[in-house]
Amino acid sequence: MTQARFGVTPEYVLVRAFGPDHKKEFEVAVKVHDREFAHARGKSKKEAQQKAAQIALKILSKEDG
C-alpha cells in the first residue's frame, strides 16, 4: 500500500528496547517519508514491526475511505 501511494517501502525504526535480557521487549515505529504512522511493542523486533504495520494499515485505509 505504501509503495502504491508514496512510491517507497515503509521504514521500521527501533524506538527502544527495555526490560531484562531474558525478557526483553521492543518498541518499533513505522515511518514513510519521515511521517510516523504507528508505534507498537512486542517480545521480538519482528513482532513489534508486524503490530506497527497492522496499525499503520488501518490508518492508511481510513485515510483512503
N, C-alpha and C. Protein backbone atom coordinates (compact mmCIF):
# COMPACT_ATOMS: atom_id res chain seq x y z
N MET A 1 0.82 -1.20 0.00
CA MET A 1 0.00 0.00 0.00
C MET A 1 0.87 1.26 0.00
N THR A 2 1.94 1.26 0.79
CA THR A 2 2.80 2.45 0.82
C THR A 2 3.55 2.63 -0.50
N GLN A 3 3.88 1.53 -1.15
CA GLN A 3 4.56 1.67 -2.45
C GLN A 3 3.61 2.26 -3.48
N ALA A 4 2.36 1.85 -3.45
CA ALA A 4 1.37 2.39 -4.39
C ALA A 4 1.11 3.86 -4.14
N ARG A 5 0.99 4.24 -2.87
CA ARG A 5 0.63 5.61 -2.54
C ARG A 5 1.84 6.56 -2.53
N PHE A 6 2.96 6.12 -1.95
CA PHE A 6 4.10 7.00 -1.76
C PHE A 6 5.32 6.65 -2.61
N GLY A 7 5.31 5.46 -3.22
CA GLY A 7 6.43 5.06 -4.05
C GLY A 7 7.63 4.53 -3.28
N VAL A 8 7.46 4.24 -2.00
CA VAL A 8 8.55 3.71 -1.17
C VAL A 8 8.02 2.64 -0.22
N THR A 9 8.93 1.82 0.28
CA THR A 9 8.55 0.86 1.31
C THR A 9 8.67 1.54 2.67
N PRO A 10 7.89 1.07 3.64
CA PRO A 10 7.96 1.68 4.97
C PRO A 10 9.29 1.38 5.65
N GLU A 11 9.68 2.26 6.55
CA GLU A 11 10.90 2.11 7.33
C GLU A 11 10.50 1.79 8.76
N TYR A 12 11.12 0.76 9.32
CA TYR A 12 10.85 0.37 10.70
C TYR A 12 12.02 0.83 11.55
N VAL A 13 11.73 1.64 12.56
CA VAL A 13 12.76 2.23 13.41
C VAL A 13 12.60 1.70 14.83
N LEU A 14 13.67 1.17 15.38
CA LEU A 14 13.66 0.73 16.77
C LEU A 14 13.67 1.96 17.66
N VAL A 15 12.59 2.16 18.41
CA VAL A 15 12.47 3.31 19.30
C VAL A 15 13.23 3.03 20.59
N ARG A 16 12.99 1.84 21.15
CA ARG A 16 13.70 1.46 22.36
C ARG A 16 13.54 -0.03 22.62
N ALA A 17 14.47 -0.54 23.39
CA ALA A 17 14.41 -1.91 23.90
C ALA A 17 14.48 -1.78 25.41
N PHE A 18 13.64 -2.52 26.11
CA PHE A 18 13.61 -2.38 27.55
C PHE A 18 13.32 -3.72 28.21
N GLY A 19 13.59 -3.78 29.48
CA GLY A 19 13.39 -4.99 30.26
C GLY A 19 14.69 -5.75 30.41
N PRO A 20 14.66 -6.75 31.28
CA PRO A 20 15.87 -7.56 31.49
C PRO A 20 16.19 -8.39 30.25
N ASP A 21 17.45 -8.78 30.11
CA ASP A 21 17.89 -9.51 28.92
C ASP A 21 17.08 -10.77 28.65
N HIS A 22 16.64 -11.44 29.69
CA HIS A 22 15.90 -12.68 29.48
C HIS A 22 14.42 -12.45 29.15
N LYS A 23 13.97 -11.20 29.24
CA LYS A 23 12.57 -10.87 28.95
C LYS A 23 12.49 -9.50 28.29
N LYS A 24 13.30 -9.30 27.27
CA LYS A 24 13.41 -8.02 26.58
C LYS A 24 12.13 -7.75 25.77
N GLU A 25 11.73 -6.49 25.72
CA GLU A 25 10.64 -6.04 24.85
C GLU A 25 11.16 -4.93 23.95
N PHE A 26 10.53 -4.80 22.80
CA PHE A 26 10.97 -3.83 21.80
C PHE A 26 9.81 -2.93 21.39
N GLU A 27 10.13 -1.67 21.17
CA GLU A 27 9.14 -0.71 20.66
C GLU A 27 9.65 -0.22 19.31
N VAL A 28 8.79 -0.33 18.31
CA VAL A 28 9.16 0.00 16.94
C VAL A 28 8.17 1.02 16.38
N ALA A 29 8.68 1.93 15.56
CA ALA A 29 7.83 2.89 14.85
C ALA A 29 7.91 2.58 13.36
N VAL A 30 6.82 2.78 12.66
CA VAL A 30 6.81 2.62 11.21
C VAL A 30 6.68 4.01 10.59
N LYS A 31 7.59 4.32 9.66
CA LYS A 31 7.65 5.64 9.04
C LYS A 31 7.62 5.52 7.51
N VAL A 32 7.04 6.53 6.90
CA VAL A 32 7.07 6.67 5.44
C VAL A 32 7.37 8.14 5.17
N HIS A 33 8.46 8.41 4.48
CA HIS A 33 8.87 9.79 4.19
C HIS A 33 8.91 10.64 5.46
N ASP A 34 9.52 10.15 6.50
CA ASP A 34 9.66 10.85 7.77
C ASP A 34 8.34 11.11 8.50
N ARG A 35 7.25 10.56 7.99
CA ARG A 35 5.97 10.65 8.71
C ARG A 35 5.80 9.36 9.50
N GLU A 36 5.62 9.50 10.80
CA GLU A 36 5.44 8.35 11.66
C GLU A 36 3.97 7.97 11.67
N PHE A 37 3.70 6.71 11.32
CA PHE A 37 2.31 6.25 11.27
C PHE A 37 1.87 5.51 12.52
N ALA A 38 2.79 4.74 13.13
CA ALA A 38 2.38 3.93 14.27
C ALA A 38 3.57 3.50 15.10
N HIS A 39 3.29 3.20 16.36
CA HIS A 39 4.25 2.61 17.30
C HIS A 39 3.63 1.31 17.78
N ALA A 40 4.46 0.33 18.07
CA ALA A 40 3.96 -0.91 18.66
C ALA A 40 5.08 -1.57 19.46
N ARG A 41 4.67 -2.40 20.41
CA ARG A 41 5.62 -3.15 21.24
C ARG A 41 5.46 -4.63 20.97
N GLY A 42 6.55 -5.36 21.16
CA GLY A 42 6.50 -6.80 21.01
C GLY A 42 7.64 -7.47 21.74
N LYS A 43 7.54 -8.78 21.87
CA LYS A 43 8.58 -9.55 22.54
C LYS A 43 9.78 -9.79 21.64
N SER A 44 9.62 -9.48 20.35
CA SER A 44 10.73 -9.52 19.41
C SER A 44 10.59 -8.32 18.48
N LYS A 45 11.66 -7.98 17.79
CA LYS A 45 11.59 -6.85 16.85
C LYS A 45 10.57 -7.16 15.76
N LYS A 46 10.58 -8.39 15.28
CA LYS A 46 9.66 -8.78 14.21
C LYS A 46 8.20 -8.64 14.65
N GLU A 47 7.91 -9.09 15.86
CA GLU A 47 6.54 -8.97 16.38
C GLU A 47 6.12 -7.51 16.48
N ALA A 48 7.01 -6.66 16.98
CA ALA A 48 6.71 -5.23 17.09
C ALA A 48 6.50 -4.60 15.71
N GLN A 49 7.34 -5.00 14.73
CA GLN A 49 7.19 -4.48 13.37
C GLN A 49 5.85 -4.89 12.77
N GLN A 50 5.46 -6.14 12.97
CA GLN A 50 4.19 -6.61 12.42
C GLN A 50 3.00 -5.90 13.05
N LYS A 51 3.05 -5.69 14.35
CA LYS A 51 1.98 -4.96 15.02
C LYS A 51 1.90 -3.51 14.54
N ALA A 52 3.05 -2.87 14.39
CA ALA A 52 3.08 -1.49 13.90
C ALA A 52 2.55 -1.42 12.47
N ALA A 53 2.89 -2.40 11.66
CA ALA A 53 2.41 -2.43 10.27
C ALA A 53 0.89 -2.57 10.22
N GLN A 54 0.32 -3.39 11.09
CA GLN A 54 -1.13 -3.56 11.13
C GLN A 54 -1.82 -2.25 11.51
N ILE A 55 -1.28 -1.57 12.48
CA ILE A 55 -1.85 -0.28 12.91
C ILE A 55 -1.75 0.74 11.77
N ALA A 56 -0.58 0.79 11.12
CA ALA A 56 -0.38 1.73 10.01
C ALA A 56 -1.34 1.43 8.87
N LEU A 57 -1.56 0.15 8.58
CA LEU A 57 -2.50 -0.23 7.52
C LEU A 57 -3.91 0.27 7.81
N LYS A 58 -4.33 0.15 9.07
CA LYS A 58 -5.65 0.65 9.45
C LYS A 58 -5.75 2.16 9.26
N ILE A 59 -4.70 2.86 9.64
CA ILE A 59 -4.67 4.32 9.49
C ILE A 59 -4.74 4.70 8.02
N LEU A 60 -3.93 4.04 7.19
CA LEU A 60 -3.92 4.34 5.76
C LEU A 60 -5.26 4.00 5.10
N SER A 61 -5.88 2.92 5.54
CA SER A 61 -7.19 2.54 4.99
C SER A 61 -8.24 3.58 5.33
N LYS A 62 -8.21 4.12 6.54
CA LYS A 62 -9.17 5.16 6.94
C LYS A 62 -8.96 6.43 6.13
N GLU A 63 -7.68 6.74 5.83
CA GLU A 63 -7.40 7.95 5.04
C GLU A 63 -7.91 7.79 3.62
N ASP A 64 -7.92 6.57 3.11
CA ASP A 64 -8.45 6.31 1.76
C ASP A 64 -9.97 6.42 1.73
N GLY A 65 -10.61 6.02 2.83
CA GLY A 65 -12.05 5.91 2.90
C GLY A 65 -12.73 7.22 2.94
